Amino acid sequence: MTHKQRIIQIHPDAPRKPAEGLACNGCGICCLAEPCPVGMLVSRRRRGACAALQWSQVQQRYLCGMLVAPLQTLGWQDGGRGRQAIARLMSRWASRLIAAGIGCDSSLEAERPDSETP
């Protein structure tokens, strides 16, 4: 069986990918490789990194913009209670579609370039 290799750019401070089934730690590998169904809508593409993926310098991990800031991710202005209610609904919808909190479901394996062996 041959394995297809792709190069994706990962923030150097991103945590290492957890094993499948373990809790998501924000490594970003799955979202950098290709968008999920929510990401396809937001990114308007089926390949490449998801446009909703955000790096959090404070948390030192990747976050889904549709979970943490859906209005900004979509380019909408923040606004009164109506918009905040929409944002909460969008965040819950996205969380359910991507199965947030269920665990890592990515079978991708990350390798460091030869020049960066630990």
C-alpha atoms as a PDB file:
ATOM      1  CA  MET A   1       0.000   0.000   0.000  1.00  0.00           C
ATOM      2  CA  THR A   2       1.468   3.343  -0.992  1.00  0.00           C
ATOM      3  CA  HIS A   3       1.038   6.407   1.157  1.00  0.00           C
ATOM      4  CA  LYS A   4       0.478   9.763  -0.425  1.00  0.00           C
ATOM      5  CA  GLN A   5       2.648  12.456   1.124  1.00  0.00           C
ATOM      6  CA  ARG A   6       1.785  16.137   1.301  1.00  0.00           C
ATOM      7  CA  ILE A   7       3.564  19.027   2.876  1.00  0.00           C
ATOM      8  CA  ILE A   8       1.530  21.308   5.117  1.00  0.00           C
ATOM      9  CA  GLN A   9       2.853  24.286   7.037  1.00  0.00           C
ATOM     10  CA  ILE A  10       2.251  23.939  10.776  1.00  0.00           C
ATOM     11  CA  HIS A  11       2.984  26.608  13.367  1.00  0.00           C
ATOM     12  CA  PRO A  12       6.259  25.593  15.074  1.00  0.00           C
ATOM     13  CA  ASP A  13       4.681  25.915  18.528  1.00  0.00           C
ATOM     14  CA  ALA A  14       1.658  23.747  17.689  1.00  0.00           C
ATOM     15  CA  PRO A  15       1.244  20.687  19.890  1.00  0.00           C
ATOM     16  CA  ARG A  16       1.975  17.287  18.420  1.00  0.00           C
ATOM     17  CA  LYS A  17      -0.992  15.404  16.998  1.00  0.00           C
ATOM     18  CA  PRO A  18      -2.732  13.176  19.538  1.00  0.00           C
ATOM     19  CA  ALA A  19      -3.495   9.548  18.786  1.00  0.00           C
ATOM     20  CA  GLU A  20      -6.857   8.838  17.181  1.00  0.00           C
ATOM     21  CA  GLY A  21      -9.633   8.847  19.763  1.00  0.00           C
ATOM     22  CA  LEU A  22      -7.795  11.041  22.256  1.00  0.00           C
ATOM     23  CA  ALA A  23      -9.007  14.562  22.979  1.00  0.00           C
ATOM     24  CA  CYS A  24      -8.261  17.239  20.395  1.00  0.00           C
ATOM     25  CA  ASN A  25      -5.312  19.350  21.484  1.00  0.00           C
ATOM     26  CA  GLY A  26      -5.442  21.939  18.701  1.00  0.00           C
ATOM     27  CA  CYS A  27      -2.560  20.546  16.640  1.00  0.00           C
ATOM     28  CA  GLY A  28      -4.356  21.731  13.478  1.00  0.00           C
ATOM     29  CA  ILE A  29      -3.151  18.924  11.232  1.00  0.00           C
ATOM     30  CA  CYS A  30      -6.602  17.816  10.085  1.00  0.00           C
ATOM     31  CA  CYS A  31      -7.754  21.373   9.284  1.00  0.00           C
ATOM     32  CA  LEU A  32      -4.476  22.325   7.619  1.00  0.00           C
ATOM     33  CA  ALA A  33      -4.688  19.260   5.377  1.00  0.00           C
ATOM     34  CA  GLU A  34      -8.269  19.849   4.215  1.00  0.00           C
ATOM     35  CA  PRO A  35     -11.427  21.558   5.390  1.00  0.00           C
ATOM     36  CA  CYS A  36     -14.207  19.630   7.121  1.00  0.00           C
ATOM     37  CA  PRO A  37     -17.788  20.031   5.821  1.00  0.00           C
ATOM     38  CA  VAL A  38     -18.211  23.270   7.813  1.00  0.00           C
ATOM     39  CA  GLY A  39     -14.827  24.459   6.580  1.00  0.00           C
ATOM     40  CA  MET A  40     -15.808  23.714   2.983  1.00  0.00           C
ATOM     41  CA  LEU A  41     -18.721  26.128   3.323  1.00  0.00           C
ATOM     42  CA  VAL A  42     -16.596  28.798   5.010  1.00  0.00           C
ATOM     43  CA  SER A  43     -13.516  28.334   2.805  1.00  0.00           C
ATOM     44  CA  ARG A  44     -15.500  27.749  -0.392  1.00  0.00           C
ATOM     45  CA  ARG A  45     -13.077  24.982  -1.320  1.00  0.00           C
ATOM     46  CA  ARG A  46     -12.631  21.252  -0.836  1.00  0.00           C
ATOM     47  CA  ARG A  47      -8.845  21.105  -0.734  1.00  0.00           C
ATOM     48  CA  GLY A  48      -6.132  22.888   1.155  1.00  0.00           C
ATOM     49  CA  ALA A  49      -6.141  24.487   4.570  1.00  0.00           C
ATOM     50  CA  CYS A  50      -9.431  25.583   6.081  1.00  0.00           C
ATOM     51  CA  ALA A  51      -9.945  29.341   6.047  1.00  0.00           C
ATOM     52  CA  ALA A  52     -11.676  29.172   9.450  1.00  0.00           C
ATOM     53  CA  LEU A  53      -8.590  27.800  11.190  1.00  0.00           C
ATOM     54  CA  GLN A  54      -7.006  30.313  13.573  1.00  0.00           C
ATOM     55  CA  TRP A  55      -3.759  30.202  15.518  1.00  0.00           C
ATOM     56  CA  SER A  56      -4.071  31.308  19.154  1.00  0.00           C
ATOM     57  CA  GLN A  57      -0.811  32.762  20.366  1.00  0.00           C
ATOM     58  CA  VAL A  58      -2.210  32.876  23.916  1.00  0.00           C
ATOM     59  CA  GLN A  59      -3.271  29.207  23.975  1.00  0.00           C
ATOM     60  CA  GLN A  60      -0.440  28.011  21.704  1.00  0.00           C
ATOM     61  CA  ARG A  61      -2.843  25.934  19.637  1.00  0.00           C
ATOM     62  CA  TYR A  62      -5.136  26.099  16.628  1.00  0.00           C
ATOM     63  CA  LEU A  63      -8.819  26.907  17.078  1.00  0.00           C
ATOM     64  CA  CYS A  64     -11.807  26.655  14.771  1.00  0.00           C
ATOM     65  CA  GLY A  65     -13.032  30.156  14.035  1.00  0.00           C
ATOM     66  CA  MET A  66     -16.562  28.857  13.559  1.00  0.00           C
ATOM     67  CA  LEU A  67     -16.521  27.688  17.173  1.00  0.00           C
ATOM     68  CA  VAL A  68     -14.830  30.651  18.834  1.00  0.00           C
ATOM     69  CA  ALA A  69     -15.725  33.619  16.598  1.00  0.00           C
ATOM     70  CA  PRO A  70     -18.200  32.661  13.862  1.00  0.00           C
ATOM     71  CA  LEU A  71     -19.277  36.209  12.979  1.00  0.00           C
ATOM     72  CA  GLN A  72     -15.704  37.430  12.504  1.00  0.00           C
ATOM     73  CA  THR A  73     -14.773  34.246  10.644  1.00  0.00           C
ATOM     74  CA  LEU A  74     -17.568  34.940   8.164  1.00  0.00           C
ATOM     75  CA  GLY A  75     -16.576  38.609   7.912  1.00  0.00           C
ATOM     76  CA  TRP A  76     -19.716  39.865   9.635  1.00  0.00           C
ATOM     77  CA  GLN A  77     -19.726  42.835  11.955  1.00  0.00           C
ATOM     78  CA  ASP A  78     -20.342  42.262  15.628  1.00  0.00           C
ATOM     79  CA  GLY A  79     -23.633  43.687  16.633  1.00  0.00           C
ATOM     80  CA  GLY A  80     -26.443  43.701  19.147  1.00  0.00           C
ATOM     81  CA  ARG A  81     -28.120  40.800  20.830  1.00  0.00           C
ATOM     82  CA  GLY A  82     -29.567  39.483  17.588  1.00  0.00           C
ATOM     83  CA  ARG A  83     -26.165  38.938  16.055  1.00  0.00           C
ATOM     84  CA  GLN A  84     -24.791  37.451  19.267  1.00  0.00           C
ATOM     85  CA  ALA A  85     -27.680  34.967  19.324  1.00  0.00           C
ATOM     86  CA  ILE A  86     -26.869  34.038  15.718  1.00  0.00           C
ATOM     87  CA  ALA A  87     -23.212  33.606  16.680  1.00  0.00           C
ATOM     88  CA  ARG A  88     -24.118  31.227  19.516  1.00  0.00           C
ATOM     89  CA  LEU A  89     -26.338  29.192  17.200  1.00  0.00           C
ATOM     90  CA  MET A  90     -23.634  29.035  14.521  1.00  0.00           C
ATOM     91  CA  SER A  91     -21.063  27.951  17.076  1.00  0.00           C
ATOM     92  CA  ARG A  92     -23.308  25.163  18.387  1.00  0.00           C
ATOM     93  CA  TRP A  93     -24.151  24.081  14.834  1.00  0.00           C
ATOM     94  CA  ALA A  94     -20.472  23.943  13.860  1.00  0.00           C
ATOM     95  CA  SER A  95     -19.567  22.124  17.079  1.00  0.00           C
ATOM     96  CA  ARG A  96     -22.129  19.437  16.345  1.00  0.00           C
ATOM     97  CA  LEU A  97     -21.101  19.021  12.695  1.00  0.00           C
ATOM     98  CA  ILE A  98     -17.408  18.668  13.463  1.00  0.00           C
ATOM     99  CA  ALA A  99     -18.082  16.509  16.549  1.00  0.00           C
ATOM    100  CA  ALA A 100     -16.105  18.866  18.776  1.00  0.00           C
ATOM    101  CA  GLY A 101     -15.192  17.244  22.059  1.00  0.00           C
ATOM    102  CA  ILE A 102     -15.559  13.685  20.738  1.00  0.00           C
ATOM    103  CA  GLY A 103     -11.850  13.119  20.102  1.00  0.00           C
ATOM    104  CA  CYS A 104      -9.316  13.115  17.308  1.00  0.00           C
ATOM    105  CA  ASP A 105     -10.637  11.341  14.228  1.00  0.00           C
ATOM    106  CA  SER A 106      -7.701  12.084  11.949  1.00  0.00           C
ATOM    107  CA  SER A 107      -5.589   9.191  10.739  1.00  0.00           C
ATOM    108  CA  LEU A 108      -3.012  11.566   9.283  1.00  0.00           C
ATOM    109  CA  GLU A 109       0.567  11.122  10.439  1.00  0.00           C
ATOM    110  CA  ALA A 110       2.862  14.101  10.803  1.00  0.00           C
ATOM    111  CA  GLU A 111       6.579  13.910  10.130  1.00  0.00           C
ATOM    112  CA  ARG A 112       9.146  16.608  10.654  1.00  0.00           C
ATOM    113  CA  PRO A 113      11.410  17.397   7.712  1.00  0.00           C
ATOM    114  CA  ASP A 114      14.748  15.565   7.925  1.00  0.00           C
ATOM    115  CA  SER A 115      16.511  18.824   8.718  1.00  0.00           C
ATOM    116  CA  GLU A 116      14.380  19.303  11.850  1.00  0.00           C
ATOM    117  CA  THR A 117      14.762  15.991  13.633  1.00  0.00           C
ATOM    118  CA  PRO A 118      14.399  16.449  17.396  1.00  0.00           C
END
